[in-house]
Amino acid sequence: MAVVALLGICGCGDGQQAATHKAIQVAKESFDTAPEALKADYAEIKSALASNDLVKAKASLDQLLAAQLSPEQQQAVAEQRQALMVKASVAAQQGDANAAKIIQELRSRSRGR
């Protein structure tokens, strides 16, 4: 009986994981059909984060946050914002003053909503 219950619980987790994965994929793909300016800003965030250019990533993020976005695009931008916050936090801990400033700006923007 316990094994059956455990299998049922595991099955629910797989369904939730699949739904979460699908939502993430839809968010990422939401810029595929976006206007070129939005698509370029989103690609710039990803590129800048990959190269640890936090200032450029923040500038592109700011442009996207000012645009009219679909809920899926907002989710994709939120994920990139989180990635920027993580990278900036690591850099700030290593003494990067620009990274500390970016964190401050991101936090103040979150409070201002």
PDB file of N, CA and C in Angstrom:
ATOM      1  N   MET A   1       0.826  -1.191   0.000  1.00  0.00           N
ATOM      2  CA  MET A   1       0.000   0.000   0.000  1.00  0.00           C
ATOM      3  C   MET A   1       0.866   1.248   0.000  1.00  0.00           C
ATOM      4  N   ALA A   2       1.906   1.255   0.831  1.00  0.00           N
ATOM      5  CA  ALA A   2       2.792   2.416   0.896  1.00  0.00           C
ATOM      6  C   ALA A   2       3.501   2.634  -0.435  1.00  0.00           C
ATOM      7  N   VAL A   3       3.864   1.556  -1.109  1.00  0.00           N
ATOM      8  CA  VAL A   3       4.537   1.666  -2.408  1.00  0.00           C
ATOM      9  C   VAL A   3       3.611   2.302  -3.435  1.00  0.00           C
ATOM     10  N   VAL A   4       2.343   1.894  -3.417  1.00  0.00           N
ATOM     11  CA  VAL A   4       1.369   2.462  -4.349  1.00  0.00           C
ATOM     12  C   VAL A   4       1.198   3.955  -4.082  1.00  0.00           C
ATOM     13  N   ALA A   5       1.108   4.332  -2.818  1.00  0.00           N
ATOM     14  CA  ALA A   5       0.980   5.739  -2.468  1.00  0.00           C
ATOM     15  C   ALA A   5       2.206   6.519  -2.905  1.00  0.00           C
ATOM     16  N   LEU A   6       3.386   5.948  -2.704  1.00  0.00           N
ATOM     17  CA  LEU A   6       4.626   6.603  -3.102  1.00  0.00           C
ATOM     18  C   LEU A   6       4.675   6.794  -4.610  1.00  0.00           C
ATOM     19  N   LEU A   7       4.259   5.782  -5.360  1.00  0.00           N
ATOM     20  CA  LEU A   7       4.228   5.893  -6.818  1.00  0.00           C
ATOM     21  C   LEU A   7       3.251   6.976  -7.260  1.00  0.00           C
ATOM     22  N   GLY A   8       2.134   7.080  -6.562  1.00  0.00           N
ATOM     23  CA  GLY A   8       1.156   8.123  -6.879  1.00  0.00           C
ATOM     24  C   GLY A   8       1.725   9.505  -6.645  1.00  0.00           C
ATOM     25  N   ILE A   9       2.457   9.669  -5.556  1.00  0.00           N
ATOM     26  CA  ILE A   9       3.077  10.956  -5.248  1.00  0.00           C
ATOM     27  C   ILE A   9       4.125  11.298  -6.294  1.00  0.00           C
ATOM     28  N   CYS A  10       4.952  10.330  -6.645  1.00  0.00           N
ATOM     29  CA  CYS A  10       5.988  10.565  -7.655  1.00  0.00           C
ATOM     30  C   CYS A  10       5.370  10.934  -8.990  1.00  0.00           C
ATOM     31  N   GLY A  11       4.263  10.289  -9.324  1.00  0.00           N
ATOM     32  CA  GLY A  11       3.593  10.591 -10.582  1.00  0.00           C
ATOM     33  C   GLY A  11       3.090  12.013 -10.624  1.00  0.00           C
ATOM     34  N   CYS A  12       2.577  12.495  -9.511  1.00  0.00           N
ATOM     35  CA  CYS A  12       2.108  13.881  -9.465  1.00  0.00           C
ATOM     36  C   CYS A  12       3.270  14.838  -9.662  1.00  0.00           C
ATOM     37  N   GLY A  13       4.381  14.520  -9.070  1.00  0.00           N
ATOM     38  CA  GLY A  13       5.559  15.373  -9.213  1.00  0.00           C
ATOM     39  C   GLY A  13       6.014  15.458 -10.655  1.00  0.00           C
ATOM     40  N   ASP A  14       5.962  14.331 -11.364  1.00  0.00           N
ATOM     41  CA  ASP A  14       6.354  14.331 -12.766  1.00  0.00           C
ATOM     42  C   ASP A  14       5.430  15.213 -13.589  1.00  0.00           C
ATOM     43  N   GLY A  15       4.150  15.169 -13.297  1.00  0.00           N
ATOM     44  CA  GLY A  15       3.187  16.005 -14.012  1.00  0.00           C
ATOM     45  C   GLY A  15       3.433  17.476 -13.764  1.00  0.00           C
ATOM     46  N   GLN A  16       3.725  17.805 -12.529  1.00  0.00           N
ATOM     47  CA  GLN A  16       4.013  19.199 -12.197  1.00  0.00           C
ATOM     48  C   GLN A  16       5.309  19.655 -12.852  1.00  0.00           C
ATOM     49  N   GLN A  17       6.311  18.782 -12.857  1.00  0.00           N
ATOM     50  CA  GLN A  17       7.574  19.122 -13.503  1.00  0.00           C
ATOM     51  C   GLN A  17       7.372  19.331 -14.993  1.00  0.00           C
ATOM     52  N   ALA A  18       6.574  18.492 -15.610  1.00  0.00           N
ATOM     53  CA  ALA A  18       6.309  18.626 -17.038  1.00  0.00           C
ATOM     54  C   ALA A  18       5.592  19.942 -17.330  1.00  0.00           C
ATOM     55  N   ALA A  19       4.626  20.294 -16.501  1.00  0.00           N
ATOM     56  CA  ALA A  19       3.905  21.549 -16.691  1.00  0.00           C
ATOM     57  C   ALA A  19       4.829  22.741 -16.502  1.00  0.00           C
ATOM     58  N   THR A  20       5.688  22.661 -15.501  1.00  0.00           N
ATOM     59  CA  THR A  20       6.646  23.742 -15.261  1.00  0.00           C
ATOM     60  C   THR A  20       7.613  23.873 -16.421  1.00  0.00           C
ATOM     61  N   HIS A  21       8.113  22.731 -16.897  1.00  0.00           N
ATOM     62  CA  HIS A  21       9.038  22.743 -18.034  1.00  0.00           C
ATOM     63  C   HIS A  21       8.367  23.352 -19.266  1.00  0.00           C
ATOM     64  N   LYS A  22       7.113  22.981 -19.502  1.00  0.00           N
ATOM     65  CA  LYS A  22       6.386  23.516 -20.657  1.00  0.00           C
ATOM     66  C   LYS A  22       6.193  25.020 -20.525  1.00  0.00           C
ATOM     67  N   ALA A  23       5.858  25.501 -19.338  1.00  0.00           N
ATOM     68  CA  ALA A  23       5.676  26.938 -19.118  1.00  0.00           C
ATOM     69  C   ALA A  23       6.974  27.696 -19.358  1.00  0.00           C
ATOM     70  N   ILE A  24       8.083  27.126 -18.904  1.00  0.00           N
ATOM     71  CA  ILE A  24       9.388  27.760 -19.117  1.00  0.00           C
ATOM     72  C   ILE A  24       9.702  27.804 -20.607  1.00  0.00           C
ATOM     73  N   GLN A  25       9.436  26.721 -21.302  1.00  0.00           N
ATOM     74  CA  GLN A  25       9.705  26.665 -22.743  1.00  0.00           C
ATOM     75  C   GLN A  25       8.843  27.678 -23.496  1.00  0.00           C
ATOM     76  N   VAL A  26       7.572  27.802 -23.140  1.00  0.00           N
ATOM     77  CA  VAL A  26       6.679  28.775 -23.783  1.00  0.00           C
ATOM     78  C   VAL A  26       7.198  30.187 -23.532  1.00  0.00           C
ATOM     79  N   ALA A  27       7.644  30.461 -22.317  1.00  0.00           N
ATOM     80  CA  ALA A  27       8.177  31.788 -22.002  1.00  0.00           C
ATOM     81  C   ALA A  27       9.406  32.086 -22.847  1.00  0.00           C
ATOM     82  N   LYS A  28      10.308  31.120 -22.952  1.00  0.00           N
ATOM     83  CA  LYS A  28      11.528  31.330 -23.751  1.00  0.00           C
ATOM     84  C   LYS A  28      11.199  31.548 -25.220  1.00  0.00           C
ATOM     85  N   GLU A  29      10.222  30.828 -25.723  1.00  0.00           N
ATOM     86  CA  GLU A  29       9.856  30.939 -27.130  1.00  0.00           C
ATOM     87  C   GLU A  29       8.993  32.165 -27.417  1.00  0.00           C
ATOM     88  N   SER A  30       8.532  32.845 -26.392  1.00  0.00           N
ATOM     89  CA  SER A  30       7.622  33.972 -26.581  1.00  0.00           C
ATOM     90  C   SER A  30       8.262  35.124 -27.353  1.00  0.00           C
ATOM     91  N   PHE A  31       9.568  35.186 -27.397  1.00  0.00           N
ATOM     92  CA  PHE A  31      10.225  36.250 -28.141  1.00  0.00           C
ATOM     93  C   PHE A  31      10.526  35.849 -29.581  1.00  0.00           C
ATOM     94  N   ASP A  32      10.279  34.593 -29.941  1.00  0.00           N
ATOM     95  CA  ASP A  32      10.537  34.141 -31.311  1.00  0.00           C
ATOM     96  C   ASP A  32       9.717  34.916 -32.330  1.00  0.00           C
ATOM     97  N   THR A  33       8.495  35.269 -31.971  1.00  0.00           N
ATOM     98  CA  THR A  33       7.611  35.982 -32.899  1.00  0.00           C
ATOM     99  C   THR A  33       7.420  37.444 -32.509  1.00  0.00           C
ATOM    100  N   ALA A  34       8.221  37.928 -31.578  1.00  0.00           N
ATOM    101  CA  ALA A  34       8.104  39.309 -31.112  1.00  0.00           C
ATOM    102  C   ALA A  34       8.657  40.270 -32.162  1.00  0.00           C
ATOM    103  N   PRO A  35       8.280  41.545 -32.075  1.00  0.00           N
ATOM    104  CA  PRO A  35       8.892  42.541 -32.957  1.00  0.00           C
ATOM    105  C   PRO A  35      10.423  42.523 -32.798  1.00  0.00           C
ATOM    106  N   GLU A  36      11.101  42.893 -33.857  1.00  0.00           N
ATOM    107  CA  GLU A  36      12.567  42.799 -33.876  1.00  0.00           C
ATOM    108  C   GLU A  36      13.232  43.534 -32.708  1.00  0.00           C
ATOM    109  N   ALA A  37      12.725  44.691 -32.320  1.00  0.00           N
ATOM    110  CA  ALA A  37      13.346  45.454 -31.226  1.00  0.00           C
ATOM    111  C   ALA A  37      13.288  44.669 -29.919  1.00  0.00           C
ATOM    112  N   LEU A  38      12.140  44.074 -29.640  1.00  0.00           N
ATOM    113  CA  LEU A  38      12.000  43.282 -28.414  1.00  0.00           C
ATOM    114  C   LEU A  38      12.877  42.045 -28.477  1.00  0.00           C
ATOM    115  N   LYS A  39      12.860  41.391 -29.636  1.00  0.00           N
ATOM    116  CA  LYS A  39      13.661  40.186 -29.826  1.00  0.00           C
ATOM    117  C   LYS A  39      15.146  40.510 -29.623  1.00  0.00           C
ATOM    118  N   ALA A  40      15.584  41.651 -30.164  1.00  0.00           N
ATOM    119  CA  ALA A  40      16.984  42.056 -30.036  1.00  0.00           C
ATOM    120  C   ALA A  40      17.350  42.357 -28.582  1.00  0.00           C
ATOM    121  N   ASP A  41      16.471  43.041 -27.860  1.00  0.00           N
ATOM    122  CA  ASP A  41      16.747  43.341 -26.450  1.00  0.00           C
ATOM    123  C   ASP A  41      16.828  42.066 -25.618  1.00  0.00           C
ATOM    124  N   TYR A  42      15.931  41.112 -25.888  1.00  0.00           N
ATOM    125  CA  TYR A  42      15.950  39.848 -25.151  1.00  0.00           C
ATOM    126  C   TYR A  42      17.233  39.073 -25.452  1.00  0.00           C
ATOM    127  N   ALA A  43      17.604  39.029 -26.712  1.00  0.00           N
ATOM    128  CA  ALA A  43      18.853  38.340 -27.096  1.00  0.00           C
ATOM    129  C   ALA A  43      20.055  39.037 -26.470  1.00  0.00           C
ATOM    130  N   GLU A  44      20.006  40.354 -26.379  1.00  0.00           N
ATOM    131  CA  GLU A  44      21.111  41.119 -25.785  1.00  0.00           C
ATOM    132  C   GLU A  44      21.264  40.802 -24.297  1.00  0.00           C
ATOM    133  N   ILE A  45      20.160  40.661 -23.598  1.00  0.00           N
ATOM    134  CA  ILE A  45      20.236  40.292 -22.175  1.00  0.00           C
ATOM    135  C   ILE A  45      20.943  38.949 -22.039  1.00  0.00           C
ATOM    136  N   LYS A  46      20.482  37.974 -22.811  1.00  0.00           N
ATOM    137  CA  LYS A  46      21.063  36.638 -22.719  1.00  0.00           C
ATOM    138  C   LYS A  46      22.545  36.655 -23.074  1.00  0.00           C
ATOM    139  N   SER A  47      22.897  37.368 -24.113  1.00  0.00           N
ATOM    140  CA  SER A  47      24.297  37.451 -24.544  1.00  0.00           C
ATOM    141  C   SER A  47      25.155  38.152 -23.489  1.00  0.00           C
ATOM    142  N   ALA A  48      24.649  39.253 -22.971  1.00  0.00           N
ATOM    143  CA  ALA A  48      25.398  40.011 -21.971  1.00  0.00           C
ATOM    144  C   ALA A  48      25.586  39.195 -20.693  1.00  0.00           C
ATOM    145  N   LEU A  49      24.574  38.459 -20.297  1.00  0.00           N
ATOM    146  CA  LEU A  49      24.714  37.610 -19.113  1.00  0.00           C
ATOM    147  C   LEU A  49      25.738  36.511 -19.351  1.00  0.00           C
ATOM    148  N   ALA A  50      25.723  35.945 -20.547  1.00  0.00           N
ATOM    149  CA  ALA A  50      26.677  34.875 -20.868  1.00  0.00           C
ATOM    150  C   ALA A  50      28.119  35.379 -20.825  1.00  0.00           C
ATOM    151  N   SER A  51      28.312  36.638 -21.188  1.00  0.00           N
ATOM    152  CA  SER A  51      29.662  37.208 -21.187  1.00  0.00           C
ATOM    153  C   SER A  51      29.962  38.006 -19.917  1.00  0.00           C
ATOM    154  N   ASN A  52      29.047  37.951 -18.943  1.00  0.00           N
ATOM    155  CA  ASN A  52      29.190  38.662 -17.664  1.00  0.00           C
ATOM    156  C   ASN A  52      29.275  40.178 -17.821  1.00  0.00           C
ATOM    157  N   ASP A  53      28.635  40.720 -18.865  1.00  0.00           N
ATOM    158  CA  ASP A  53      28.549  42.170 -19.039  1.00  0.00           C
ATOM    159  C   ASP A  53      27.260  42.621 -18.350  1.00  0.00           C
ATOM    160  N   LEU A  54      27.351  42.793 -17.050  1.00  0.00           N
ATOM    161  CA  LEU A  54      26.168  43.065 -16.239  1.00  0.00           C
ATOM    162  C   LEU A  54      25.543  44.413 -16.543  1.00  0.00           C
ATOM    163  N   VAL A  55      26.358  45.402 -16.865  1.00  0.00           N
ATOM    164  CA  VAL A  55      25.839  46.739 -17.172  1.00  0.00           C
ATOM    165  C   VAL A  55      24.990  46.682 -18.447  1.00  0.00           C
ATOM    166  N   LYS A  56      25.496  45.992 -19.470  1.00  0.00           N
ATOM    167  CA  LYS A  56      24.755  45.863 -20.722  1.00  0.00           C
ATOM    168  C   LYS A  56      23.474  45.048 -20.501  1.00  0.00           C
ATOM    169  N   ALA A  57      23.557  43.994 -19.707  1.00  0.00           N
ATOM    170  CA  ALA A  57      22.373  43.181 -19.414  1.00  0.00           C
ATOM    171  C   ALA A  57      21.315  44.022 -18.713  1.00  0.00           C
ATOM    172  N   LYS A  58      21.728  44.842 -17.783  1.00  0.00           N
ATOM    173  CA  LYS A  58      20.791  45.708 -17.046  1.00  0.00           C
ATOM    174  C   LYS A  58      20.143  46.720 -17.980  1.00  0.00           C
ATOM    175  N   ALA A  59      20.916  47.299 -18.897  1.00  0.00           N
ATOM    176  CA  ALA A  59      20.360  48.273 -19.836  1.00  0.00           C
ATOM    177  C   ALA A  59      19.305  47.622 -20.739  1.00  0.00           C
ATOM    178  N   SER A  60      19.586  46.438 -21.233  1.00  0.00           N
ATOM    179  CA  SER A  60      18.618  45.729 -22.080  1.00  0.00           C
ATOM    180  C   SER A  60      17.391  45.311 -21.279  1.00  0.00           C
ATOM    181  N   LEU A  61      17.609  44.904 -20.041  1.00  0.00           N
ATOM    182  CA  LEU A  61      16.495  44.548 -19.169  1.00  0.00           C
ATOM    183  C   LEU A  61      15.587  45.749 -18.949  1.00  0.00           C
ATOM    184  N   ASP A  62      16.184  46.907 -18.701  1.00  0.00           N
ATOM    185  CA  ASP A  62      15.392  48.124 -18.488  1.00  0.00           C
ATOM    186  C   ASP A  62      14.531  48.445 -19.707  1.00  0.00           C
ATOM    187  N   GLN A  63      15.093  48.265 -20.904  1.00  0.00           N
ATOM    188  CA  GLN A  63      14.324  48.528 -22.117  1.00  0.00           C
ATOM    189  C   GLN A  63      13.136  47.578 -22.229  1.00  0.00           C
ATOM    190  N   LEU A  64      13.355  46.324 -21.929  1.00  0.00           N
ATOM    191  CA  LEU A  64      12.256  45.358 -22.016  1.00  0.00           C
ATOM    192  C   LEU A  64      11.196  45.597 -20.949  1.00  0.00           C
ATOM    193  N   LEU A  65      11.627  45.986 -19.766  1.00  0.00           N
ATOM    194  CA  LEU A  65      10.657  46.230 -18.697  1.00  0.00           C
ATOM    195  C   LEU A  65       9.758  47.423 -18.998  1.00  0.00           C
ATOM    196  N   ALA A  66      10.223  48.318 -19.867  1.00  0.00           N
ATOM    197  CA  ALA A  66       9.431  49.483 -20.246  1.00  0.00           C
ATOM    198  C   ALA A  66       8.477  49.178 -21.403  1.00  0.00           C
ATOM    199  N   ALA A  67       8.629  48.023 -22.042  1.00  0.00           N
ATOM    200  CA  ALA A  67       7.818  47.668 -23.208  1.00  0.00           C
ATOM    201  C   ALA A  67       6.535  46.964 -22.807  1.00  0.00           C
ATOM    202  N   GLN A  68       5.591  46.937 -23.733  1.00  0.00           N
ATOM    203  CA  GLN A  68       4.365  46.168 -23.561  1.00  0.00           C
ATOM    204  C   GLN A  68       4.702  44.715 -23.877  1.00  0.00           C
ATOM    205  N   LEU A  69       4.601  43.844 -22.899  1.00  0.00           N
ATOM    206  CA  LEU A  69       4.960  42.438 -23.074  1.00  0.00           C
ATOM    207  C   LEU A  69       3.777  41.540 -22.759  1.00  0.00           C
ATOM    208  N   SER A  70       3.756  40.403 -23.425  1.00  0.00           N
ATOM    209  CA  SER A  70       2.743  39.386 -23.113  1.00  0.00           C
ATOM    210  C   SER A  70       3.098  38.763 -21.768  1.00  0.00           C
ATOM    211  N   PRO A  71       2.155  38.078 -21.142  1.00  0.00           N
ATOM    212  CA  PRO A  71       2.475  37.399 -19.876  1.00  0.00           C
ATOM    213  C   PRO A  71       3.645  36.418 -20.019  1.00  0.00           C
ATOM    214  N   GLU A  72       3.713  35.718 -21.139  1.00  0.00           N
ATOM    215  CA  GLU A  72       4.814  34.776 -21.359  1.00  0.00           C
ATOM    216  C   GLU A  72       6.148  35.513 -21.469  1.00  0.00           C
ATOM    217  N   GLN A  73       6.131  36.647 -22.167  1.00  0.00           N
ATOM    218  CA  GLN A  73       7.349  37.450 -22.293  1.00  0.00           C
ATOM    219  C   GLN A  73       7.750  38.031 -20.941  1.00  0.00           C
ATOM    220  N   GLN A  74       6.769  38.452 -20.157  1.00  0.00           N
ATOM    221  CA  GLN A  74       7.072  38.958 -18.817  1.00  0.00           C
ATOM    222  C   GLN A  74       7.747  37.875 -17.984  1.00  0.00           C
ATOM    223  N   GLN A  75       7.289  36.631 -18.113  1.00  0.00           N
ATOM    224  CA  GLN A  75       7.898  35.517 -17.382  1.00  0.00           C
ATOM    225  C   GLN A  75       9.335  35.305 -17.837  1.00  0.00           C
ATOM    226  N   ALA A  76       9.561  35.348 -19.148  1.00  0.00           N
ATOM    227  CA  ALA A  76      10.912  35.155 -19.684  1.00  0.00           C
ATOM    228  C   ALA A  76      11.843  36.267 -19.201  1.00  0.00           C
ATOM    229  N   VAL A  77      11.347  37.494 -19.171  1.00  0.00           N
ATOM    230  CA  VAL A  77      12.149  38.621 -18.698  1.00  0.00           C
ATOM    231  C   VAL A  77      12.411  38.488 -17.196  1.00  0.00           C
ATOM    232  N   ALA A  78      11.430  38.018 -16.453  1.00  0.00           N
ATOM    233  CA  ALA A  78      11.616  37.804 -15.011  1.00  0.00           C
ATOM    234  C   ALA A  78      12.715  36.778 -14.758  1.00  0.00           C
ATOM    235  N   GLU A  79      12.770  35.743 -15.585  1.00  0.00           N
ATOM    236  CA  GLU A  79      13.826  34.730 -15.440  1.00  0.00           C
ATOM    237  C   GLU A  79      15.204  35.340 -15.720  1.00  0.00           C
ATOM    238  N   GLN A  80      15.282  36.195 -16.730  1.00  0.00           N
ATOM    239  CA  GLN A  80      16.555  36.852 -17.039  1.00  0.00           C
ATOM    240  C   GLN A  80      16.938  37.844 -15.940  1.00  0.00           C
ATOM    241  N   ARG A  81      15.927  38.505 -15.377  1.00  0.00           N
ATOM    242  CA  ARG A  81      16.181  39.432 -14.262  1.00  0.00           C
ATOM    243  C   ARG A  81      16.766  38.670 -13.082  1.00  0.00           C
ATOM    244  N   GLN A  82      16.205  37.501 -12.818  1.00  0.00           N
ATOM    245  CA  GLN A  82      16.706  36.669 -11.718  1.00  0.00           C
ATOM    246  C   GLN A  82      18.144  36.232 -11.987  1.00  0.00           C
ATOM    247  N   ALA A  83      18.434  35.850 -13.228  1.00  0.00           N
ATOM    248  CA  ALA A  83      19.800  35.449 -13.581  1.00  0.00           C
ATOM    249  C   ALA A  83      20.763  36.623 -13.405  1.00  0.00           C
ATOM    250  N   LEU A  84      20.318  37.816 -13.783  1.00  0.00           N
ATOM    251  CA  LEU A  84      21.146  39.014 -13.596  1.00  0.00           C
ATOM    252  C   LEU A  84      21.382  39.272 -12.115  1.00  0.00           C
ATOM    253  N   MET A  85      20.351  39.124 -11.318  1.00  0.00           N
ATOM    254  CA  MET A  85      20.473  39.345  -9.877  1.00  0.00           C
ATOM    255  C   MET A  85      21.488  38.379  -9.268  1.00  0.00           C
ATOM    256  N   VAL A  86      21.447  37.127  -9.676  1.00  0.00           N
ATOM    257  CA  VAL A  86      22.376  36.125  -9.148  1.00  0.00           C
ATOM    258  C   VAL A  86      23.810  36.479  -9.542  1.00  0.00           C
ATOM    259  N   LYS A  87      24.017  36.777 -10.825  1.00  0.00           N
ATOM    260  CA  LYS A  87      25.375  37.102 -11.284  1.00  0.00           C
ATOM    261  C   LYS A  87      25.882  38.382 -10.631  1.00  0.00           C
ATOM    262  N   ALA A  88      25.009  39.359 -10.489  1.00  0.00           N
ATOM    263  CA  ALA A  88      25.404  40.617  -9.855  1.00  0.00           C
ATOM    264  C   ALA A  88      25.731  40.399  -8.379  1.00  0.00           C
ATOM    265  N   SER A  89      24.992  39.541  -7.723  1.00  0.00           N
ATOM    266  CA  SER A  89      25.256  39.248  -6.311  1.00  0.00           C
ATOM    267  C   SER A  89      26.638  38.631  -6.128  1.00  0.00           C
ATOM    268  N   VAL A  90      26.981  37.689  -6.999  1.00  0.00           N
ATOM    269  CA  VAL A  90      28.298  37.054  -6.931  1.00  0.00           C
ATOM    270  C   VAL A  90      29.387  38.098  -7.180  1.00  0.00           C
ATOM    271  N   ALA A  91      29.186  38.914  -8.211  1.00  0.00           N
ATOM    272  CA  ALA A  91      30.183  39.937  -8.544  1.00  0.00           C
ATOM    273  C   ALA A  91      30.316  40.968  -7.422  1.00  0.00           C
ATOM    274  N   ALA A  92      29.202  41.349  -6.815  1.00  0.00           N
ATOM    275  CA  ALA A  92      29.244  42.318  -5.717  1.00  0.00           C
ATOM    276  C   ALA A  92      30.010  41.756  -4.520  1.00  0.00           C
ATOM    277  N   GLN A  93      29.830  40.465  -4.257  1.00  0.00           N
ATOM    278  CA  GLN A  93      30.563  39.834  -3.164  1.00  0.00           C
ATOM    279  C   GLN A  93      32.061  39.804  -3.430  1.00  0.00           C
ATOM    280  N   GLN A  94      32.414  39.876  -4.701  1.00  0.00           N
ATOM    281  CA  GLN A  94      33.826  39.892  -5.076  1.00  0.00           C
ATOM    282  C   GLN A  94      34.357  41.317  -5.215  1.00  0.00           C
ATOM    283  N   GLY A  95      33.543  42.313  -4.802  1.00  0.00           N
ATOM    284  CA  GLY A  95      33.990  43.692  -4.772  1.00  0.00           C
ATOM    285  C   GLY A  95      33.637  44.544  -5.969  1.00  0.00           C
ATOM    286  N   ASP A  96      32.797  44.073  -6.869  1.00  0.00           N
ATOM    287  CA  ASP A  96      32.411  44.828  -8.058  1.00  0.00           C
ATOM    288  C   ASP A  96      31.372  45.886  -7.675  1.00  0.00           C
ATOM    289  N   ALA A  97      31.781  47.161  -7.719  1.00  0.00           N
ATOM    290  CA  ALA A  97      30.895  48.258  -7.326  1.00  0.00           C
ATOM    291  C   ALA A  97      29.727  48.417  -8.301  1.00  0.00           C
ATOM    292  N   ASN A  98      29.959  48.202  -9.590  1.00  0.00           N
ATOM    293  CA  ASN A  98      28.873  48.288 -10.570  1.00  0.00           C
ATOM    294  C   ASN A  98      27.811  47.234 -10.288  1.00  0.00           C
ATOM    295  N   ALA A  99      28.236  46.053  -9.918  1.00  0.00           N
ATOM    296  CA  ALA A  99      27.297  44.978  -9.611  1.00  0.00           C
ATOM    297  C   ALA A  99      26.445  45.341  -8.400  1.00  0.00           C
ATOM    298  N   ALA A 100      27.072  45.931  -7.384  1.00  0.00           N
ATOM    299  CA  ALA A 100      26.323  46.355  -6.198  1.00  0.00           C
ATOM    300  C   ALA A 100      25.278  47.405  -6.568  1.00  0.00           C
ATOM    301  N   LYS A 101      25.643  48.298  -7.476  1.00  0.00           N
ATOM    302  CA  LYS A 101      24.708  49.334  -7.931  1.00  0.00           C
ATOM    303  C   LYS A 101      23.538  48.708  -8.696  1.00  0.00           C
ATOM    304  N   ILE A 102      23.834  47.721  -9.524  1.00  0.00           N
ATOM    305  CA  ILE A 102      22.782  47.041 -10.282  1.00  0.00           C
ATOM    306  C   ILE A 102      21.799  46.365  -9.331  1.00  0.00           C
ATOM    307  N   ILE A 103      22.314  45.701  -8.310  1.00  0.00           N
ATOM    308  CA  ILE A 103      21.449  45.047  -7.325  1.00  0.00           C
ATOM    309  C   ILE A 103      20.538  46.071  -6.652  1.00  0.00           C
ATOM    310  N   GLN A 104      21.113  47.183  -6.272  1.00  0.00           N
ATOM    311  CA  GLN A 104      20.341  48.245  -5.619  1.00  0.00           C
ATOM    312  C   GLN A 104      19.214  48.734  -6.535  1.00  0.00           C
ATOM    313  N   GLU A 105      19.543  48.950  -7.815  1.00  0.00           N
ATOM    314  CA  GLU A 105      18.536  49.422  -8.769  1.00  0.00           C
ATOM    315  C   GLU A 105      17.441  48.381  -8.993  1.00  0.00           C
ATOM    316  N   LEU A 106      17.824  47.123  -9.100  1.00  0.00           N
ATOM    317  CA  LEU A 106      16.831  46.066  -9.294  1.00  0.00           C
ATOM    318  C   LEU A 106      15.915  45.950  -8.086  1.00  0.00           C
ATOM    319  N   ARG A 107      16.481  46.056  -6.913  1.00  0.00           N
ATOM    320  CA  ARG A 107      15.661  45.984  -5.692  1.00  0.00           C
ATOM    321  C   ARG A 107      14.718  47.171  -5.583  1.00  0.00           C
ATOM    322  N   SER A 108      15.205  48.362  -5.879  1.00  0.00           N
ATOM    323  CA  SER A 108      14.344  49.542  -5.771  1.00  0.00           C
ATOM    324  C   SER A 108      13.232  49.503  -6.815  1.00  0.00           C
ATOM    325  N   ARG A 109      13.531  48.959  -7.988  1.00  0.00           N
ATOM    326  CA  ARG A 109      12.512  48.827  -9.020  1.00  0.00           C
ATOM    327  C   ARG A 109      11.431  47.843  -8.580  1.00  0.00           C
ATOM    328  N   SER A 110      11.826  46.755  -7.903  1.00  0.00           N
ATOM    329  CA  SER A 110      10.865  45.757  -7.422  1.00  0.00           C
ATOM    330  C   SER A 110       9.948  46.364  -6.372  1.00  0.00           C
ATOM    331  N   ARG A 111      10.499  47.190  -5.534  1.00  0.00           N
ATOM    332  CA  ARG A 111       9.681  47.817  -4.488  1.00  0.00           C
ATOM    333  C   ARG A 111       8.735  48.858  -5.071  1.00  0.00           C
ATOM    334  N   GLY A 112       9.150  49.468  -6.185  1.00  0.00           N
ATOM    335  CA  GLY A 112       8.357  50.533  -6.790  1.00  0.00           C
ATOM    336  C   GLY A 112       7.133  50.052  -7.548  1.00  0.00           C
ATOM    337  N   ARG A 113       7.025  48.756  -7.794  1.00  0.00           N
ATOM    338  CA  ARG A 113       5.871  48.234  -8.541  1.00  0.00           C
ATOM    339  C   ARG A 113       4.619  48.292  -7.778  1.00  0.00           C
TER     340      ARG A 113
END
